Amino acid sequence: MCKMLLSVNPEHVDNILSGVKQFEFRKVRCKRDVDSILIYATSPVKLVVGEVEVLEVIEDAPESVWKLTSEFAGVSKSFFDQYYNKNDKAIAYRLGKVEKYLTPLQLSDLGISFAPQSFVYV
């Protein structure tokens, strides 16, 4: 079982935890197959607030990815287009079961000393 820690904006964290956002978009795909994502809510929260199962990874041109994910993207088309501006590849992690931690974790609890720019394997 492989897990990765992702830094996520608190607004998007809330949408993931509530089930509104069922895809997490990235510009770079991790090399390993991951079973779940630990969610690190960035400033001002600065805590690992939960974990979500990864059901599949979609990798294609941004327009193709949007067509597959738009209903449960949890972001607007304009946000999506701005995020992938001038990129020819988009990555979408399809999210499954979400577990919100009753007691959020510090990064140090996981042996991590800094918030990752992209991701870090745990």
C-alpha atoms as a PDB file:
ATOM      1  CA  MET A   1       0.000   0.000   0.000  1.00  0.00           C
ATOM      2  CA  CYS A   2       1.440   3.349  -1.044  1.00  0.00           C
ATOM      3  CA  LYS A   3       0.220   6.710   0.192  1.00  0.00           C
ATOM      4  CA  MET A   4       1.138  10.223  -0.777  1.00  0.00           C
ATOM      5  CA  LEU A   5       0.712  13.516   0.989  1.00  0.00           C
ATOM      6  CA  LEU A   6      -0.698  16.384  -1.070  1.00  0.00           C
ATOM      7  CA  SER A   7      -0.823  20.045  -0.136  1.00  0.00           C
ATOM      8  CA  VAL A   8      -4.351  21.288  -0.841  1.00  0.00           C
ATOM      9  CA  ASN A   9      -5.900  24.732  -0.456  1.00  0.00           C
ATOM     10  CA  PRO A  10      -8.365  24.754   2.505  1.00  0.00           C
ATOM     11  CA  GLU A  11     -11.294  25.682   0.214  1.00  0.00           C
ATOM     12  CA  HIS A  12     -10.667  22.565  -1.875  1.00  0.00           C
ATOM     13  CA  VAL A  13     -10.107  20.482   1.272  1.00  0.00           C
ATOM     14  CA  ASP A  14     -13.612  21.346   2.474  1.00  0.00           C
ATOM     15  CA  ASN A  15     -15.048  20.324  -0.895  1.00  0.00           C
ATOM     16  CA  ILE A  16     -13.149  17.016  -0.855  1.00  0.00           C
ATOM     17  CA  LEU A  17     -14.236  16.204   2.689  1.00  0.00           C
ATOM     18  CA  SER A  18     -17.880  17.029   1.865  1.00  0.00           C
ATOM     19  CA  GLY A  19     -17.831  14.942  -1.333  1.00  0.00           C
ATOM     20  CA  VAL A  20     -18.450  17.906  -3.657  1.00  0.00           C
ATOM     21  CA  LYS A  21     -14.968  17.587  -5.176  1.00  0.00           C
ATOM     22  CA  GLN A  22     -14.400  14.010  -6.317  1.00  0.00           C
ATOM     23  CA  PHE A  23     -11.286  14.679  -8.397  1.00  0.00           C
ATOM     24  CA  GLU A  24      -7.957  16.170  -7.404  1.00  0.00           C
ATOM     25  CA  PHE A  25      -6.172  17.831 -10.303  1.00  0.00           C
ATOM     26  CA  ARG A  26      -2.408  17.943 -10.709  1.00  0.00           C
ATOM     27  CA  LYS A  27       0.057  18.855 -13.417  1.00  0.00           C
ATOM     28  CA  VAL A  28       2.472  16.031 -12.583  1.00  0.00           C
ATOM     29  CA  ARG A  29       1.602  12.391 -11.967  1.00  0.00           C
ATOM     30  CA  CYS A  30       3.449  10.552  -9.233  1.00  0.00           C
ATOM     31  CA  LYS A  31       5.493   7.605 -10.485  1.00  0.00           C
ATOM     32  CA  ARG A  32       4.191   5.074  -7.995  1.00  0.00           C
ATOM     33  CA  ASP A  33       0.676   3.673  -7.854  1.00  0.00           C
ATOM     34  CA  VAL A  34      -0.986   5.144  -4.790  1.00  0.00           C
ATOM     35  CA  ASP A  35      -3.901   3.733  -2.846  1.00  0.00           C
ATOM     36  CA  SER A  36      -4.686   6.863  -0.886  1.00  0.00           C
ATOM     37  CA  ILE A  37      -3.885  10.519  -0.450  1.00  0.00           C
ATOM     38  CA  LEU A  38      -3.212  12.180   2.890  1.00  0.00           C
ATOM     39  CA  ILE A  39      -4.685  15.678   2.714  1.00  0.00           C
ATOM     40  CA  TYR A  40      -2.537  18.496   4.057  1.00  0.00           C
ATOM     41  CA  ALA A  41      -4.600  21.689   4.321  1.00  0.00           C
ATOM     42  CA  THR A  42      -2.302  24.599   3.523  1.00  0.00           C
ATOM     43  CA  SER A  43      -2.140  27.951   5.337  1.00  0.00           C
ATOM     44  CA  PRO A  44      -3.792  29.053   7.513  1.00  0.00           C
ATOM     45  CA  VAL A  45      -4.778  25.517   8.649  1.00  0.00           C
ATOM     46  CA  LYS A  46      -1.381  23.793   8.209  1.00  0.00           C
ATOM     47  CA  LEU A  47      -2.582  20.345   9.302  1.00  0.00           C
ATOM     48  CA  VAL A  48      -3.100  16.877   7.814  1.00  0.00           C
ATOM     49  CA  VAL A  49      -6.881  16.728   8.108  1.00  0.00           C
ATOM     50  CA  GLY A  50      -7.821  13.451   6.451  1.00  0.00           C
ATOM     51  CA  GLU A  51      -7.237  10.729   3.935  1.00  0.00           C
ATOM     52  CA  VAL A  52      -9.007   9.793   0.723  1.00  0.00           C
ATOM     53  CA  GLU A  53      -8.940   6.629  -1.360  1.00  0.00           C
ATOM     54  CA  VAL A  54      -7.655   6.844  -4.942  1.00  0.00           C
ATOM     55  CA  LEU A  55      -9.927   4.927  -7.325  1.00  0.00           C
ATOM     56  CA  GLU A  56      -8.130   5.710 -10.582  1.00  0.00           C
ATOM     57  CA  VAL A  57      -5.793   8.173 -12.253  1.00  0.00           C
ATOM     58  CA  ILE A  58      -6.841   9.912 -15.452  1.00  0.00           C
ATOM     59  CA  GLU A  59      -4.098  11.362 -17.636  1.00  0.00           C
ATOM     60  CA  ASP A  60      -4.918  13.105 -20.899  1.00  0.00           C
ATOM     61  CA  ALA A  61      -5.208  16.482 -22.589  1.00  0.00           C
ATOM     62  CA  PRO A  62      -6.892  19.055 -20.328  1.00  0.00           C
ATOM     63  CA  GLU A  63     -10.065  19.257 -22.459  1.00  0.00           C
ATOM     64  CA  SER A  64     -10.466  15.472 -22.406  1.00  0.00           C
ATOM     65  CA  VAL A  65      -9.925  15.341 -18.648  1.00  0.00           C
ATOM     66  CA  TRP A  66     -12.471  18.131 -18.116  1.00  0.00           C
ATOM     67  CA  LYS A  67     -15.093  16.245 -20.146  1.00  0.00           C
ATOM     68  CA  LEU A  68     -14.619  13.179 -17.924  1.00  0.00           C
ATOM     69  CA  THR A  69     -14.511  15.019 -14.598  1.00  0.00           C
ATOM     70  CA  SER A  70     -16.536  18.232 -14.875  1.00  0.00           C
ATOM     71  CA  GLU A  71     -19.665  16.986 -13.084  1.00  0.00           C
ATOM     72  CA  PHE A  72     -17.743  16.290  -9.868  1.00  0.00           C
ATOM     73  CA  ALA A  73     -14.660  18.465 -10.407  1.00  0.00           C
ATOM     74  CA  GLY A  74     -15.463  20.757  -7.493  1.00  0.00           C
ATOM     75  CA  VAL A  75     -13.934  23.656  -9.441  1.00  0.00           C
ATOM     76  CA  SER A  76     -15.201  25.906 -12.205  1.00  0.00           C
ATOM     77  CA  LYS A  77     -14.218  25.531 -15.845  1.00  0.00           C
ATOM     78  CA  SER A  78     -12.432  28.889 -15.685  1.00  0.00           C
ATOM     79  CA  PHE A  79     -10.411  27.764 -12.633  1.00  0.00           C
ATOM     80  CA  PHE A  80      -9.533  24.507 -14.408  1.00  0.00           C
ATOM     81  CA  ASP A  81      -8.501  26.314 -17.599  1.00  0.00           C
ATOM     82  CA  GLN A  82      -6.381  28.809 -15.682  1.00  0.00           C
ATOM     83  CA  TYR A  83      -4.683  25.987 -13.720  1.00  0.00           C
ATOM     84  CA  TYR A  84      -3.761  24.099 -16.906  1.00  0.00           C
ATOM     85  CA  ASN A  85      -2.933  27.217 -18.937  1.00  0.00           C
ATOM     86  CA  LYS A  86      -0.346  26.273 -21.590  1.00  0.00           C
ATOM     87  CA  ASN A  87      -0.119  22.658 -20.355  1.00  0.00           C
ATOM     88  CA  ASP A  88      -0.808  19.843 -22.789  1.00  0.00           C
ATOM     89  CA  LYS A  89      -1.377  17.221 -20.086  1.00  0.00           C
ATOM     90  CA  ALA A  90      -3.730  17.071 -17.106  1.00  0.00           C
ATOM     91  CA  ILE A  91      -3.816  14.551 -14.263  1.00  0.00           C
ATOM     92  CA  ALA A  92      -6.973  13.812 -12.278  1.00  0.00           C
ATOM     93  CA  TYR A  93      -7.043  11.517  -9.263  1.00  0.00           C
ATOM     94  CA  ARG A  94     -10.560  10.117  -8.896  1.00  0.00           C
ATOM     95  CA  LEU A  95     -11.322  10.130  -5.199  1.00  0.00           C
ATOM     96  CA  GLY A  96     -13.261   7.496  -3.313  1.00  0.00           C
ATOM     97  CA  LYS A  97     -13.960   6.980   0.363  1.00  0.00           C
ATOM     98  CA  VAL A  98     -13.002   9.985   2.490  1.00  0.00           C
ATOM     99  CA  GLU A  99     -11.875   9.789   6.109  1.00  0.00           C
ATOM    100  CA  LYS A 100     -11.794  13.062   8.031  1.00  0.00           C
ATOM    101  CA  TYR A 101      -9.430  12.768  10.983  1.00  0.00           C
ATOM    102  CA  LEU A 102     -11.016  13.467  14.363  1.00  0.00           C
ATOM    103  CA  THR A 103      -7.638  14.791  15.468  1.00  0.00           C
ATOM    104  CA  PRO A 104      -5.687  16.401  12.623  1.00  0.00           C
ATOM    105  CA  LEU A 105      -1.968  15.632  12.418  1.00  0.00           C
ATOM    106  CA  GLN A 106       1.066  17.875  12.273  1.00  0.00           C
ATOM    107  CA  LEU A 107       3.484  17.167   9.438  1.00  0.00           C
ATOM    108  CA  SER A 108       6.049  16.266  12.103  1.00  0.00           C
ATOM    109  CA  ASP A 109       3.739  13.448  13.272  1.00  0.00           C
ATOM    110  CA  LEU A 110       4.492  11.824   9.901  1.00  0.00           C
ATOM    111  CA  GLY A 111       8.211  12.550  10.023  1.00  0.00           C
ATOM    112  CA  ILE A 112       7.859  15.331   7.464  1.00  0.00           C
ATOM    113  CA  SER A 113       9.501  18.681   8.122  1.00  0.00           C
ATOM    114  CA  PHE A 114       8.029  20.787   5.289  1.00  0.00           C
ATOM    115  CA  ALA A 115       4.856  21.071   3.251  1.00  0.00           C
ATOM    116  CA  PRO A 116       5.434  19.525  -0.179  1.00  0.00           C
ATOM    117  CA  GLN A 117       5.213  21.746  -3.265  1.00  0.00           C
ATOM    118  CA  SER A 118       3.775  18.847  -5.234  1.00  0.00           C
ATOM    119  CA  PHE A 119       3.594  15.614  -3.234  1.00  0.00           C
ATOM    120  CA  VAL A 120       5.626  13.352  -1.008  1.00  0.00           C
ATOM    121  CA  TYR A 121       5.297   9.592  -0.508  1.00  0.00           C
ATOM    122  CA  VAL A 122       4.361   8.507   3.012  1.00  0.00           C
END
